[in-house]
N, C-alpha and C. Protein backbone atom coordinates (compact mmCIF):
# COMPACT_ATOMS: atom_id res chain seq x y z
N MET A 1 -134.00 -239.55 0.98
CA MET A 1 -132.60 -239.34 0.62
C MET A 1 -131.75 -239.26 1.88
N THR A 2 -130.59 -239.84 1.84
CA THR A 2 -129.72 -239.79 3.01
C THR A 2 -129.08 -238.41 3.13
N GLU A 3 -128.84 -238.04 4.36
CA GLU A 3 -128.24 -236.74 4.60
C GLU A 3 -126.75 -236.80 4.27
N ARG A 4 -126.26 -235.87 3.48
CA ARG A 4 -124.86 -235.86 3.10
C ARG A 4 -124.10 -234.82 3.92
N LYS A 5 -122.85 -235.11 4.11
CA LYS A 5 -122.01 -234.19 4.85
C LYS A 5 -121.63 -233.02 3.94
N GLN A 6 -121.87 -231.81 4.41
CA GLN A 6 -121.58 -230.64 3.61
C GLN A 6 -120.47 -229.83 4.27
N ARG A 7 -119.66 -229.25 3.44
CA ARG A 7 -118.52 -228.49 3.92
C ARG A 7 -118.77 -227.00 3.77
N ILE A 8 -117.96 -226.23 4.50
CA ILE A 8 -117.99 -224.77 4.39
C ILE A 8 -116.60 -224.33 3.96
N LEU A 9 -116.54 -223.48 2.95
CA LEU A 9 -115.27 -222.97 2.46
C LEU A 9 -115.24 -221.46 2.66
N THR A 10 -114.19 -220.97 3.29
CA THR A 10 -114.00 -219.53 3.47
C THR A 10 -112.78 -219.12 2.67
N ILE A 11 -112.97 -218.16 1.78
CA ILE A 11 -111.87 -217.65 0.95
C ILE A 11 -111.53 -216.24 1.42
N TYR A 12 -110.26 -216.05 1.70
CA TYR A 12 -109.75 -214.74 2.10
C TYR A 12 -109.08 -214.14 0.87
N ARG A 13 -109.69 -213.09 0.33
CA ARG A 13 -109.17 -212.48 -0.89
C ARG A 13 -107.93 -211.64 -0.61
N ASP A 14 -107.11 -211.48 -1.62
CA ASP A 14 -105.89 -210.70 -1.44
C ASP A 14 -106.13 -209.20 -1.49
N ASP A 15 -107.28 -208.76 -1.98
CA ASP A 15 -107.55 -207.34 -2.14
C ASP A 15 -108.63 -206.81 -1.19
N SER A 16 -108.98 -207.59 -0.17
CA SER A 16 -110.07 -207.18 0.70
C SER A 16 -109.93 -207.83 2.06
N THR A 17 -110.52 -207.22 3.06
CA THR A 17 -110.56 -207.83 4.39
C THR A 17 -111.84 -208.62 4.60
N VAL A 18 -112.72 -208.61 3.62
CA VAL A 18 -113.98 -209.33 3.71
C VAL A 18 -113.80 -210.75 3.17
N GLN A 19 -114.26 -211.73 3.94
CA GLN A 19 -114.17 -213.11 3.51
C GLN A 19 -115.37 -213.47 2.63
N VAL A 20 -115.16 -214.41 1.74
CA VAL A 20 -116.24 -214.98 0.92
C VAL A 20 -116.49 -216.37 1.48
N ILE A 21 -117.73 -216.61 1.93
CA ILE A 21 -118.06 -217.88 2.58
C ILE A 21 -119.06 -218.64 1.71
N TYR A 22 -118.72 -219.88 1.41
CA TYR A 22 -119.61 -220.76 0.66
C TYR A 22 -120.03 -221.91 1.56
N ASP A 23 -121.34 -222.12 1.67
CA ASP A 23 -121.84 -223.29 2.37
C ASP A 23 -122.29 -224.31 1.32
N ARG A 24 -122.72 -225.47 1.74
CA ARG A 24 -123.18 -226.54 0.84
C ARG A 24 -122.10 -226.90 -0.20
N VAL A 25 -120.84 -226.92 0.21
CA VAL A 25 -119.74 -227.23 -0.70
C VAL A 25 -119.62 -228.74 -0.86
N LYS A 26 -119.60 -229.16 -2.10
CA LYS A 26 -119.46 -230.59 -2.41
C LYS A 26 -117.99 -230.99 -2.51
N ALA A 27 -117.18 -230.18 -3.21
CA ALA A 27 -115.77 -230.48 -3.39
C ALA A 27 -115.00 -229.20 -3.70
N VAL A 28 -113.70 -229.25 -3.41
CA VAL A 28 -112.79 -228.15 -3.73
C VAL A 28 -111.54 -228.76 -4.35
N PHE A 29 -111.11 -228.22 -5.49
CA PHE A 29 -109.91 -228.75 -6.12
C PHE A 29 -109.27 -227.68 -7.01
N TRP A 30 -107.99 -227.89 -7.30
CA TRP A 30 -107.24 -227.00 -8.18
C TRP A 30 -107.25 -227.57 -9.59
N THR A 31 -107.29 -226.69 -10.58
CA THR A 31 -107.23 -227.10 -11.97
C THR A 31 -106.34 -226.12 -12.73
N ALA A 32 -106.13 -226.38 -14.02
CA ALA A 32 -105.31 -225.51 -14.89
C ALA A 32 -103.91 -225.33 -14.31
N ASN A 33 -103.27 -226.48 -14.02
CA ASN A 33 -101.90 -226.46 -13.51
C ASN A 33 -101.80 -225.69 -12.19
N ASN A 34 -102.77 -225.91 -11.31
CA ASN A 34 -102.84 -225.29 -9.98
C ASN A 34 -102.95 -223.77 -10.03
N THR A 35 -103.64 -223.23 -11.02
CA THR A 35 -103.82 -221.78 -11.10
C THR A 35 -105.26 -221.34 -10.87
N VAL A 36 -106.20 -222.29 -10.81
CA VAL A 36 -107.61 -221.95 -10.60
C VAL A 36 -108.18 -222.87 -9.52
N LEU A 37 -108.74 -222.26 -8.48
CA LEU A 37 -109.43 -223.02 -7.44
C LEU A 37 -110.88 -223.20 -7.87
N VAL A 38 -111.33 -224.44 -7.91
CA VAL A 38 -112.70 -224.73 -8.33
C VAL A 38 -113.49 -225.20 -7.11
N VAL A 39 -114.64 -224.56 -6.90
CA VAL A 39 -115.53 -224.91 -5.80
C VAL A 39 -116.79 -225.50 -6.41
N SER A 40 -117.11 -226.73 -6.04
CA SER A 40 -118.34 -227.37 -6.48
C SER A 40 -119.35 -227.21 -5.35
N ARG A 41 -120.49 -226.59 -5.66
CA ARG A 41 -121.47 -226.25 -4.62
C ARG A 41 -122.84 -226.82 -4.99
N TYR A 42 -123.49 -227.46 -4.00
CA TYR A 42 -124.84 -228.00 -4.22
C TYR A 42 -125.83 -226.87 -4.48
N ILE A 43 -126.77 -227.10 -5.40
CA ILE A 43 -127.81 -226.12 -5.68
C ILE A 43 -128.84 -226.10 -4.56
N ASP A 44 -129.27 -227.27 -4.12
CA ASP A 44 -130.19 -227.38 -2.99
C ASP A 44 -129.93 -228.69 -2.26
N ASP A 45 -130.69 -228.93 -1.21
CA ASP A 45 -130.46 -230.12 -0.38
C ASP A 45 -131.25 -231.33 -0.84
N THR A 46 -132.08 -231.21 -1.86
CA THR A 46 -132.93 -232.34 -2.25
C THR A 46 -132.37 -233.15 -3.41
N THR A 47 -131.46 -232.60 -4.17
CA THR A 47 -130.89 -233.31 -5.31
C THR A 47 -129.37 -233.29 -5.22
N ASN A 48 -128.73 -234.00 -6.12
CA ASN A 48 -127.28 -234.00 -6.19
C ASN A 48 -126.77 -232.94 -7.18
N ALA A 49 -127.66 -232.08 -7.67
CA ALA A 49 -127.28 -231.06 -8.64
C ALA A 49 -126.32 -230.05 -8.00
N HIS A 50 -125.33 -229.64 -8.78
CA HIS A 50 -124.34 -228.70 -8.28
C HIS A 50 -123.85 -227.81 -9.43
N TYR A 51 -123.12 -226.78 -9.06
CA TYR A 51 -122.50 -225.90 -10.05
C TYR A 51 -121.09 -225.57 -9.59
N TYR A 52 -120.30 -224.96 -10.47
CA TYR A 52 -118.89 -224.70 -10.19
C TYR A 52 -118.63 -223.20 -10.10
N ILE A 53 -117.75 -222.85 -9.17
CA ILE A 53 -117.29 -221.47 -8.99
C ILE A 53 -115.78 -221.51 -9.19
N HIS A 54 -115.26 -220.59 -9.99
CA HIS A 54 -113.83 -220.57 -10.31
C HIS A 54 -113.16 -219.34 -9.71
N TRP A 55 -112.04 -219.57 -9.01
CA TRP A 55 -111.27 -218.49 -8.41
C TRP A 55 -109.83 -218.56 -8.92
N PRO A 56 -109.34 -217.52 -9.60
CA PRO A 56 -107.93 -217.50 -10.00
C PRO A 56 -107.03 -217.43 -8.77
N ARG A 57 -105.93 -218.13 -8.81
CA ARG A 57 -105.02 -218.21 -7.66
C ARG A 57 -104.55 -216.83 -7.20
N GLU A 58 -104.33 -215.91 -8.14
CA GLU A 58 -103.81 -214.60 -7.76
C GLU A 58 -104.81 -213.75 -6.98
N ARG A 59 -106.08 -214.14 -6.95
CA ARG A 59 -107.10 -213.41 -6.18
C ARG A 59 -107.24 -213.93 -4.75
N ILE A 60 -106.59 -215.03 -4.42
CA ILE A 60 -106.76 -215.68 -3.13
C ILE A 60 -105.51 -215.45 -2.27
N CYS A 61 -105.72 -214.97 -1.07
CA CYS A 61 -104.63 -214.88 -0.11
C CYS A 61 -104.48 -216.24 0.56
N TRP A 62 -105.58 -216.78 1.07
CA TRP A 62 -105.62 -218.14 1.61
C TRP A 62 -107.06 -218.55 1.76
N PHE A 63 -107.31 -219.84 2.03
CA PHE A 63 -108.67 -220.30 2.22
C PHE A 63 -108.71 -221.36 3.32
N LYS A 64 -109.91 -221.52 3.89
CA LYS A 64 -110.12 -222.48 4.97
C LYS A 64 -111.26 -223.41 4.55
N ASP A 65 -111.00 -224.71 4.59
CA ASP A 65 -111.97 -225.73 4.22
C ASP A 65 -112.39 -226.46 5.49
N GLU A 66 -113.65 -226.31 5.89
CA GLU A 66 -114.15 -226.93 7.12
C GLU A 66 -115.14 -228.03 6.81
N PRO A 67 -115.00 -229.16 7.52
CA PRO A 67 -115.96 -230.26 7.32
C PRO A 67 -117.33 -229.94 7.88
């Protein structure tokens, strides 16, 4: 299998000074009229299987998407 480029997403919550860091990120996009941030994350490095994580906009102060 060819090696795919994976991203790292850091979410800074509005109610905490602790960041939430996701590695193996496949895609990040907004849904529900830009009110929910959806993070698609690979389950492992051997397959294309992934799952989704949903963050309501009001819980996010800001986020950083790194290649």
